[in-house]
Each structure stands twice: as C-alpha cells, then as structure tokens.
Amino acid sequence: MKLCIKCTKRKPLDEFALNQAARNGRMSWCKVCKRQYNKDRRKVANDKKVAMGIPITRDISVPWRGKVIQVRAYKVFDVDGIWHRQCSECKDLHPIDDYRMSGKHLCSQCPECNKVHVAQWREDNRDHINEVRRKNNTSLRQRIVELEAMLEGGV
C-alpha cells in the first residue's frame, strides 16, 4: 500500500505509475489523480489557445501547390481564404505556396530569407564545399578510368 499525496488515500502499488527516479520506483500521485491533473492542465492550455484564436487541433489539411498537405495548426493562418505562414526570420506572413517543402514539412523561412541564409552558409562553409567537390570529381575521374579500362580489356 502507498499513500497518494494528491488525494491522500492509501492505494495498492499497482495504482501508481512506474518512476525509476523515485526511491520506491513509483510515482507519488496515483494514476487517477495524475490523469485528472493532465486533463485539467490540457483544458486550461486549450482555453488559452481558443482565447488567442489558435486552433486546438495539432495538424490540419491545407492546399499547397495543387495538393493537400498536413501542417501544424499553429503555424498557418487563414487570411481572406488564403493560407499564410509566418517566416521564422523576418516574421512576415507569406502565402504558403511561396514556401518550399523540406522533406515532408514546409520550410520555416520565406524564399527571400532562405536565399540569404543559404548564401551565408555557403560563404561560411566554402572550404568544406570545395573539398567535397574535389573529392567527388576525383572519384568520378577514377571511375571513368576504371570503366574505360574494363571496356578496352573486354573488347
């Protein structure tokens, strides 16, 4: 038996979730109290979001360049029927069709800020870029020589 410090009731150990950091290996709140606490906390957070005009759902479907994509609800805004996203750099709202996809997510920077970011990265990493280019060109030349040797030997 263990005492729940939230509801102050004695309950069997299996009523408490596991916690490796605790001395007895169990949480100090019972599962019922913890579940109710999490439910209340989510309700308060969702009420704040609703008051700010932010949708509660995590992902929403929005049209992007002729197809429908899933994006986080708090990252896009419907302005006069056109979906917009706030750029992480300049903080301006731009139509989401202006953004490119990075993997399966929309890029966080608008095209103008992304160009500046990429140019700065290329300038900062010029030596690395040149090294990779040299390595790739060398291996390509070696492969061409090997293939030509194979063709000459096989003919």
N, C-alpha and C. Protein backbone atom coordinates (compact mmCIF):
# COMPACT_ATOMS: atom_id res chain seq x y z
N MET A 1 0.85 -1.18 0.00
CA MET A 1 0.00 0.00 0.00
C MET A 1 0.89 1.25 0.00
N LYS A 2 0.37 2.29 -0.67
CA LYS A 2 1.12 3.54 -0.77
C LYS A 2 0.13 4.69 -0.66
N LEU A 3 0.59 5.79 -0.10
CA LEU A 3 -0.24 6.97 0.08
C LEU A 3 -0.09 7.91 -1.11
N CYS A 4 -1.20 8.27 -1.74
CA CYS A 4 -1.18 9.27 -2.82
C CYS A 4 -1.14 10.65 -2.17
N ILE A 5 -0.14 11.46 -2.53
CA ILE A 5 -0.03 12.77 -1.89
C ILE A 5 -1.03 13.78 -2.45
N LYS A 6 -1.69 13.43 -3.55
CA LYS A 6 -2.68 14.33 -4.14
C LYS A 6 -4.05 14.15 -3.47
N CYS A 7 -4.53 12.91 -3.46
CA CYS A 7 -5.86 12.66 -2.89
C CYS A 7 -5.80 12.17 -1.45
N THR A 8 -4.62 11.93 -0.94
CA THR A 8 -4.35 11.46 0.43
C THR A 8 -5.06 10.16 0.77
N LYS A 9 -5.18 9.26 -0.21
CA LYS A 9 -5.78 7.94 0.03
C LYS A 9 -4.70 6.88 -0.09
N ARG A 10 -4.81 5.82 0.69
CA ARG A 10 -3.90 4.68 0.59
C ARG A 10 -4.43 3.75 -0.49
N LYS A 11 -3.53 3.40 -1.44
CA LYS A 11 -3.93 2.56 -2.57
C LYS A 11 -2.86 1.50 -2.80
N PRO A 12 -3.22 0.39 -3.49
CA PRO A 12 -2.23 -0.63 -3.82
C PRO A 12 -1.16 -0.06 -4.76
N LEU A 13 0.04 -0.66 -4.75
CA LEU A 13 1.16 -0.16 -5.57
C LEU A 13 0.84 -0.14 -7.05
N ASP A 14 0.03 -1.08 -7.54
CA ASP A 14 -0.27 -1.09 -8.98
C ASP A 14 -1.16 0.07 -9.41
N GLU A 15 -1.65 0.87 -8.45
CA GLU A 15 -2.42 2.08 -8.76
C GLU A 15 -1.51 3.27 -9.04
N PHE A 16 -0.19 3.08 -8.90
CA PHE A 16 0.78 4.14 -9.11
C PHE A 16 1.66 3.78 -10.31
N ALA A 17 1.91 4.75 -11.17
CA ALA A 17 2.74 4.51 -12.36
C ALA A 17 4.20 4.33 -11.93
N LEU A 18 4.95 3.64 -12.79
CA LEU A 18 6.37 3.41 -12.52
C LEU A 18 7.16 4.71 -12.66
N ASN A 19 8.18 4.87 -11.82
CA ASN A 19 9.06 6.03 -11.88
C ASN A 19 10.43 5.59 -11.37
N GLN A 20 11.38 5.42 -12.28
CA GLN A 20 12.70 4.92 -11.89
C GLN A 20 13.45 5.90 -11.00
N ALA A 21 13.11 7.17 -11.07
CA ALA A 21 13.82 8.17 -10.26
C ALA A 21 13.37 8.15 -8.80
N ALA A 22 12.20 7.61 -8.52
CA ALA A 22 11.69 7.58 -7.14
C ALA A 22 12.36 6.46 -6.35
N ARG A 23 12.46 6.65 -5.03
CA ARG A 23 13.12 5.65 -4.19
C ARG A 23 12.40 4.30 -4.24
N ASN A 24 11.07 4.33 -4.22
CA ASN A 24 10.33 3.06 -4.24
C ASN A 24 9.93 2.64 -5.66
N GLY A 25 10.35 3.39 -6.66
CA GLY A 25 10.09 3.02 -8.05
C GLY A 25 8.71 3.37 -8.55
N ARG A 26 7.95 4.15 -7.79
CA ARG A 26 6.58 4.53 -8.18
C ARG A 26 6.38 6.04 -8.07
N MET A 27 5.43 6.56 -8.83
CA MET A 27 5.08 7.98 -8.77
C MET A 27 4.48 8.30 -7.40
N SER A 28 4.47 9.58 -7.03
CA SER A 28 3.88 9.97 -5.74
C SER A 28 2.38 10.22 -5.85
N TRP A 29 1.87 10.43 -7.07
CA TRP A 29 0.44 10.57 -7.29
C TRP A 29 -0.09 9.27 -7.89
N CYS A 30 -1.30 8.90 -7.55
CA CYS A 30 -1.90 7.71 -8.16
C CYS A 30 -2.26 8.01 -9.61
N LYS A 31 -2.51 6.96 -10.37
CA LYS A 31 -2.82 7.12 -11.80
C LYS A 31 -4.08 7.96 -12.02
N VAL A 32 -5.08 7.78 -11.17
CA VAL A 32 -6.35 8.51 -11.31
C VAL A 32 -6.11 10.02 -11.12
N CYS A 33 -5.35 10.38 -10.07
CA CYS A 33 -5.07 11.81 -9.81
C CYS A 33 -4.21 12.42 -10.92
N LYS A 34 -3.22 11.68 -11.39
CA LYS A 34 -2.35 12.17 -12.44
C LYS A 34 -3.13 12.37 -13.74
N ARG A 35 -4.02 11.43 -14.05
CA ARG A 35 -4.84 11.53 -15.26
C ARG A 35 -5.73 12.76 -15.18
N GLN A 36 -6.35 12.99 -14.02
CA GLN A 36 -7.23 14.16 -13.85
C GLN A 36 -6.44 15.45 -13.93
N TYR A 37 -5.24 15.47 -13.34
CA TYR A 37 -4.38 16.65 -13.40
C TYR A 37 -4.01 16.99 -14.85
N ASN A 38 -3.61 15.96 -15.62
CA ASN A 38 -3.25 16.18 -17.02
C ASN A 38 -4.45 16.68 -17.82
N LYS A 39 -5.62 16.11 -17.56
CA LYS A 39 -6.84 16.51 -18.26
C LYS A 39 -7.15 17.98 -17.97
N ASP A 40 -7.06 18.38 -16.70
CA ASP A 40 -7.34 19.77 -16.31
C ASP A 40 -6.31 20.72 -16.93
N ARG A 41 -5.04 20.30 -16.92
CA ARG A 41 -3.97 21.14 -17.48
C ARG A 41 -4.17 21.35 -18.98
N ARG A 42 -4.54 20.27 -19.70
CA ARG A 42 -4.80 20.40 -21.14
C ARG A 42 -5.98 21.33 -21.40
N LYS A 43 -7.02 21.25 -20.56
CA LYS A 43 -8.19 22.11 -20.74
C LYS A 43 -7.81 23.58 -20.59
N VAL A 44 -7.00 23.90 -19.59
CA VAL A 44 -6.57 25.29 -19.37
C VAL A 44 -5.74 25.77 -20.58
N ALA A 45 -4.82 24.91 -21.05
CA ALA A 45 -3.99 25.28 -22.19
C ALA A 45 -4.84 25.48 -23.44
N ASN A 46 -5.81 24.60 -23.66
CA ASN A 46 -6.68 24.72 -24.84
C ASN A 46 -7.56 25.96 -24.75
N ASP A 47 -8.04 26.29 -23.54
CA ASP A 47 -8.84 27.50 -23.38
C ASP A 47 -8.03 28.76 -23.72
N LYS A 48 -6.75 28.76 -23.34
CA LYS A 48 -5.87 29.88 -23.69
C LYS A 48 -5.71 29.98 -25.20
N LYS A 49 -5.53 28.83 -25.86
CA LYS A 49 -5.37 28.83 -27.32
C LYS A 49 -6.63 29.36 -28.00
N VAL A 50 -7.79 28.92 -27.53
CA VAL A 50 -9.05 29.38 -28.13
C VAL A 50 -9.19 30.88 -27.94
N ALA A 51 -8.82 31.38 -26.75
CA ALA A 51 -8.91 32.83 -26.49
C ALA A 51 -8.00 33.61 -27.42
N MET A 52 -6.86 33.02 -27.81
CA MET A 52 -5.92 33.70 -28.71
C MET A 52 -6.27 33.47 -30.18
N GLY A 53 -7.28 32.64 -30.46
CA GLY A 53 -7.68 32.38 -31.84
C GLY A 53 -6.86 31.30 -32.52
N ILE A 54 -6.15 30.48 -31.74
CA ILE A 54 -5.33 29.40 -32.30
C ILE A 54 -6.15 28.11 -32.28
N PRO A 55 -6.22 27.39 -33.40
CA PRO A 55 -6.96 26.13 -33.40
C PRO A 55 -6.33 25.12 -32.44
N ILE A 56 -7.15 24.28 -31.83
CA ILE A 56 -6.66 23.31 -30.86
C ILE A 56 -6.06 22.09 -31.54
N THR A 57 -6.55 21.72 -32.70
CA THR A 57 -6.04 20.53 -33.37
C THR A 57 -4.57 20.70 -33.70
N ARG A 58 -3.84 19.60 -33.68
CA ARG A 58 -2.40 19.66 -33.96
C ARG A 58 -2.12 19.86 -35.44
N ASP A 59 -2.67 19.00 -36.28
CA ASP A 59 -2.43 19.07 -37.71
C ASP A 59 -3.73 19.41 -38.44
N ILE A 60 -3.59 20.20 -39.48
CA ILE A 60 -4.74 20.48 -40.34
C ILE A 60 -4.31 20.28 -41.79
N SER A 61 -5.27 20.04 -42.64
CA SER A 61 -5.01 19.87 -44.06
C SER A 61 -5.18 21.21 -44.76
N VAL A 62 -4.17 21.62 -45.52
CA VAL A 62 -4.25 22.87 -46.26
C VAL A 62 -3.79 22.62 -47.69
N PRO A 63 -4.36 23.37 -48.65
CA PRO A 63 -3.90 23.20 -50.03
C PRO A 63 -2.54 23.86 -50.23
N TRP A 64 -1.65 23.15 -50.93
CA TRP A 64 -0.32 23.69 -51.23
C TRP A 64 0.07 23.26 -52.63
N ARG A 65 0.18 24.22 -53.55
CA ARG A 65 0.59 23.99 -54.93
C ARG A 65 -0.17 22.85 -55.60
N GLY A 66 -1.48 22.87 -55.44
CA GLY A 66 -2.33 21.91 -56.14
C GLY A 66 -2.55 20.60 -55.41
N LYS A 67 -1.93 20.40 -54.25
CA LYS A 67 -2.20 19.18 -53.48
C LYS A 67 -2.48 19.58 -52.04
N VAL A 68 -2.89 18.62 -51.23
CA VAL A 68 -3.23 18.89 -49.84
C VAL A 68 -2.12 18.33 -48.95
N ILE A 69 -1.64 19.16 -48.02
CA ILE A 69 -0.58 18.72 -47.10
C ILE A 69 -1.05 18.90 -45.66
N GLN A 70 -0.41 18.19 -44.75
CA GLN A 70 -0.69 18.31 -43.32
C GLN A 70 0.33 19.26 -42.70
N VAL A 71 -0.13 20.27 -41.98
CA VAL A 71 0.77 21.19 -41.30
C VAL A 71 0.27 21.42 -39.88
N ARG A 72 1.17 21.85 -39.01
CA ARG A 72 0.79 22.17 -37.64
C ARG A 72 -0.17 23.36 -37.66
N ALA A 73 -1.25 23.24 -36.92
CA ALA A 73 -2.29 24.26 -36.94
C ALA A 73 -1.81 25.62 -36.49
N TYR A 74 -0.88 25.64 -35.53
CA TYR A 74 -0.43 26.93 -35.01
C TYR A 74 0.57 27.63 -35.92
N LYS A 75 0.98 26.98 -37.02
CA LYS A 75 1.99 27.58 -37.90
C LYS A 75 1.39 28.23 -39.14
N VAL A 76 0.11 28.04 -39.38
CA VAL A 76 -0.52 28.61 -40.57
C VAL A 76 -1.75 29.43 -40.17
N PHE A 77 -2.05 30.43 -40.99
CA PHE A 77 -3.16 31.33 -40.71
C PHE A 77 -3.97 31.52 -41.98
N ASP A 78 -5.28 31.50 -41.85
CA ASP A 78 -6.17 31.73 -42.98
C ASP A 78 -6.46 33.22 -43.06
N VAL A 79 -5.97 33.87 -44.11
CA VAL A 79 -6.19 35.30 -44.31
C VAL A 79 -6.99 35.47 -45.60
N ASP A 80 -8.25 35.82 -45.46
CA ASP A 80 -9.14 36.02 -46.61
C ASP A 80 -9.17 34.80 -47.54
N GLY A 81 -9.21 33.61 -46.97
CA GLY A 81 -9.31 32.39 -47.78
C GLY A 81 -7.98 31.88 -48.32
N ILE A 82 -6.88 32.57 -48.03
CA ILE A 82 -5.55 32.13 -48.49
C ILE A 82 -4.72 31.79 -47.26
N TRP A 83 -4.15 30.59 -47.26
CA TRP A 83 -3.34 30.16 -46.12
C TRP A 83 -1.97 30.81 -46.14
N HIS A 84 -1.55 31.33 -45.00
CA HIS A 84 -0.27 32.01 -44.84
C HIS A 84 0.55 31.34 -43.75
N ARG A 85 1.85 31.56 -43.80
CA ARG A 85 2.76 31.08 -42.75
C ARG A 85 3.68 32.23 -42.37
N GLN A 86 4.05 32.29 -41.09
CA GLN A 86 4.95 33.34 -40.62
C GLN A 86 6.39 32.88 -40.79
N CYS A 87 7.20 33.70 -41.43
CA CYS A 87 8.62 33.39 -41.62
C CYS A 87 9.34 33.43 -40.28
N SER A 88 10.21 32.46 -40.04
CA SER A 88 10.93 32.40 -38.77
C SER A 88 12.00 33.49 -38.66
N GLU A 89 12.39 34.09 -39.77
CA GLU A 89 13.43 35.13 -39.75
C GLU A 89 12.83 36.53 -39.73
N CYS A 90 12.08 36.88 -40.77
CA CYS A 90 11.57 38.25 -40.89
C CYS A 90 10.23 38.46 -40.18
N LYS A 91 9.58 37.36 -39.77
CA LYS A 91 8.30 37.39 -39.03
C LYS A 91 7.13 37.91 -39.85
N ASP A 92 7.30 38.05 -41.17
CA ASP A 92 6.21 38.48 -42.03
C ASP A 92 5.35 37.28 -42.42
N LEU A 93 4.08 37.52 -42.73
CA LEU A 93 3.20 36.46 -43.21
C LEU A 93 3.31 36.39 -44.73
N HIS A 94 3.50 35.19 -45.25
CA HIS A 94 3.58 34.96 -46.69
C HIS A 94 2.65 33.80 -47.05
N PRO A 95 2.06 33.80 -48.25
CA PRO A 95 1.23 32.66 -48.66
C PRO A 95 2.05 31.37 -48.63
N ILE A 96 1.43 30.27 -48.20
CA ILE A 96 2.22 29.03 -48.06
C ILE A 96 2.68 28.49 -49.40
N ASP A 97 2.03 28.90 -50.49
CA ASP A 97 2.50 28.45 -51.81
C ASP A 97 3.90 29.01 -52.13
N ASP A 98 4.32 30.09 -51.45
CA ASP A 98 5.65 30.65 -51.66
C ASP A 98 6.75 29.79 -51.02
N TYR A 99 6.38 28.99 -50.01
CA TYR A 99 7.38 28.20 -49.28
C TYR A 99 7.67 26.90 -50.02
N ARG A 100 8.90 26.41 -49.85
CA ARG A 100 9.25 25.11 -50.44
C ARG A 100 9.09 24.05 -49.37
N MET A 101 9.04 22.79 -49.81
CA MET A 101 8.97 21.67 -48.87
C MET A 101 10.39 21.27 -48.50
N SER A 102 10.60 20.97 -47.23
CA SER A 102 11.86 20.44 -46.74
C SER A 102 11.55 19.06 -46.19
N GLY A 103 11.78 18.03 -47.00
CA GLY A 103 11.32 16.70 -46.63
C GLY A 103 9.81 16.66 -46.77
N LYS A 104 9.12 16.38 -45.68
CA LYS A 104 7.66 16.39 -45.76
C LYS A 104 7.07 17.55 -44.97
N HIS A 105 7.89 18.57 -44.68
CA HIS A 105 7.44 19.74 -43.93
C HIS A 105 7.72 21.01 -44.74
N LEU A 106 6.91 22.04 -44.48
CA LEU A 106 7.17 23.33 -45.11
C LEU A 106 8.42 23.95 -44.50
N CYS A 107 9.23 24.57 -45.31
CA CYS A 107 10.43 25.26 -44.85
C CYS A 107 9.98 26.38 -43.90
N SER A 108 10.78 26.69 -42.89
CA SER A 108 10.38 27.69 -41.91
C SER A 108 10.67 29.12 -42.38
N GLN A 109 11.49 29.27 -43.41
CA GLN A 109 11.86 30.60 -43.88
C GLN A 109 11.20 30.90 -45.23
N CYS A 110 10.82 32.15 -45.42
CA CYS A 110 10.27 32.56 -46.71
C CYS A 110 11.40 32.49 -47.75
N PRO A 111 11.07 32.48 -49.04
CA PRO A 111 12.12 32.34 -50.06
C PRO A 111 13.22 33.40 -49.97
N GLU A 112 12.86 34.64 -49.68
CA GLU A 112 13.87 35.70 -49.61
C GLU A 112 14.84 35.46 -48.45
N CYS A 113 14.32 35.13 -47.28
CA CYS A 113 15.18 34.87 -46.12
C CYS A 113 16.00 33.59 -46.33
N ASN A 114 15.40 32.61 -47.00
CA ASN A 114 16.11 31.36 -47.25
C ASN A 114 17.31 31.60 -48.17
N LYS A 115 17.14 32.46 -49.19
CA LYS A 115 18.26 32.79 -50.09
C LYS A 115 19.41 33.42 -49.31
N VAL A 116 19.09 34.34 -48.41
CA VAL A 116 20.12 34.99 -47.60
C VAL A 116 20.80 33.95 -46.70
N HIS A 117 20.01 33.08 -46.09
CA HIS A 117 20.54 32.06 -45.19
C HIS A 117 21.48 31.11 -45.95
N VAL A 118 21.06 30.65 -47.12
CA VAL A 118 21.88 29.72 -47.91
C VAL A 118 23.16 30.40 -48.38
N ALA A 119 23.07 31.65 -48.83
CA ALA A 119 24.27 32.38 -49.27
C ALA A 119 25.26 32.53 -48.11
N GLN A 120 24.75 32.82 -46.92
CA GLN A 120 25.63 32.96 -45.75
C GLN A 120 26.27 31.62 -45.40
N TRP A 121 25.49 30.55 -45.46
CA TRP A 121 26.03 29.22 -45.17
C TRP A 121 27.13 28.85 -46.16
N ARG A 122 26.89 29.12 -47.44
CA ARG A 122 27.89 28.80 -48.47
C ARG A 122 29.17 29.60 -48.26
N GLU A 123 29.01 30.85 -47.86
CA GLU A 123 30.19 31.68 -47.60
C GLU A 123 30.96 31.16 -46.39
N ASP A 124 30.25 30.78 -45.34
CA ASP A 124 30.90 30.27 -44.12
C ASP A 124 31.54 28.91 -44.33
N ASN A 125 31.03 28.11 -45.28
CA ASN A 125 31.49 26.73 -45.47
C ASN A 125 32.15 26.52 -46.82
N ARG A 126 32.76 27.57 -47.37
CA ARG A 126 33.37 27.50 -48.70
C ARG A 126 34.43 26.40 -48.79
N ASP A 127 35.29 26.28 -47.78
CA ASP A 127 36.35 25.26 -47.79
C ASP A 127 35.75 23.85 -47.82
N HIS A 128 34.73 23.63 -47.02
CA HIS A 128 34.09 22.32 -46.99
C HIS A 128 33.45 21.98 -48.34
N ILE A 129 32.78 22.94 -48.93
CA ILE A 129 32.13 22.73 -50.23
C ILE A 129 33.18 22.38 -51.28
N ASN A 130 34.29 23.13 -51.32
CA ASN A 130 35.35 22.86 -52.30
C ASN A 130 35.96 21.49 -52.09
N GLU A 131 36.16 21.09 -50.84
CA GLU A 131 36.72 19.77 -50.53
C GLU A 131 35.80 18.65 -51.03
N VAL A 132 34.51 18.79 -50.79
CA VAL A 132 33.55 17.78 -51.26
C VAL A 132 33.54 17.72 -52.78
N ARG A 133 33.58 18.88 -53.43
CA ARG A 133 33.62 18.91 -54.90
C ARG A 133 34.87 18.23 -55.45
N ARG A 134 36.04 18.54 -54.84
CA ARG A 134 37.29 17.88 -55.27
C ARG A 134 37.19 16.37 -55.11
N LYS A 135 36.70 15.94 -53.96
CA LYS A 135 36.58 14.51 -53.69
C LYS A 135 35.65 13.84 -54.70
N ASN A 136 34.51 14.45 -54.95
CA ASN A 136 33.56 13.87 -55.90
C ASN A 136 34.12 13.84 -57.31
N ASN A 137 34.81 14.90 -57.73
CA ASN A 137 35.40 14.94 -59.07
C ASN A 137 36.50 13.90 -59.21
N THR A 138 37.32 13.73 -58.16
CA THR A 138 38.40 12.74 -58.19
C THR A 138 37.84 11.33 -58.31
N SER A 139 36.84 11.02 -57.50
CA SER A 139 36.27 9.68 -57.55
C SER A 139 35.55 9.44 -58.88
N LEU A 140 34.96 10.47 -59.45
CA LEU A 140 34.31 10.33 -60.75
C LEU A 140 35.36 10.06 -61.84
N ARG A 141 36.48 10.81 -61.79
CA ARG A 141 37.55 10.57 -62.77
C ARG A 141 38.11 9.16 -62.65
N GLN A 142 38.30 8.69 -61.41
CA GLN A 142 38.81 7.34 -61.20
C GLN A 142 37.83 6.31 -61.75
N ARG A 143 36.56 6.52 -61.54
CA ARG A 143 35.54 5.57 -62.03
C ARG A 143 35.53 5.55 -63.56
N ILE A 144 35.69 6.71 -64.19
CA ILE A 144 35.74 6.77 -65.66
C ILE A 144 36.95 5.99 -66.18
N VAL A 145 38.10 6.17 -65.54
CA VAL A 145 39.32 5.45 -65.93
C VAL A 145 39.10 3.94 -65.79
N GLU A 146 38.50 3.51 -64.67
CA GLU A 146 38.23 2.08 -64.46
C GLU A 146 37.29 1.53 -65.52
N LEU A 147 36.24 2.27 -65.85
CA LEU A 147 35.28 1.81 -66.86
C LEU A 147 35.93 1.73 -68.23
N GLU A 148 36.76 2.73 -68.58
CA GLU A 148 37.46 2.68 -69.87
C GLU A 148 38.42 1.49 -69.93
N ALA A 149 39.08 1.20 -68.82
CA ALA A 149 39.98 0.04 -68.77
C ALA A 149 39.21 -1.26 -68.96
N MET A 150 38.05 -1.33 -68.36
CA MET A 150 37.21 -2.52 -68.48
C MET A 150 36.75 -2.70 -69.93
N LEU A 151 36.37 -1.57 -70.56
CA LEU A 151 35.90 -1.63 -71.95
C LEU A 151 37.03 -2.05 -72.89
N GLU A 152 38.22 -1.51 -72.66
CA GLU A 152 39.37 -1.87 -73.50
C GLU A 152 39.75 -3.33 -73.31
N GLY A 153 39.71 -3.78 -72.06
CA GLY A 153 40.07 -5.18 -71.78
C GLY A 153 39.03 -6.16 -72.29
N GLY A 154 37.76 -5.76 -72.29
CA GLY A 154 36.69 -6.65 -72.73
C GLY A 154 36.52 -6.69 -74.24
N VAL A 155 37.03 -5.70 -74.97
CA VAL A 155 36.84 -5.63 -76.42
C VAL A 155 37.88 -6.41 -77.14
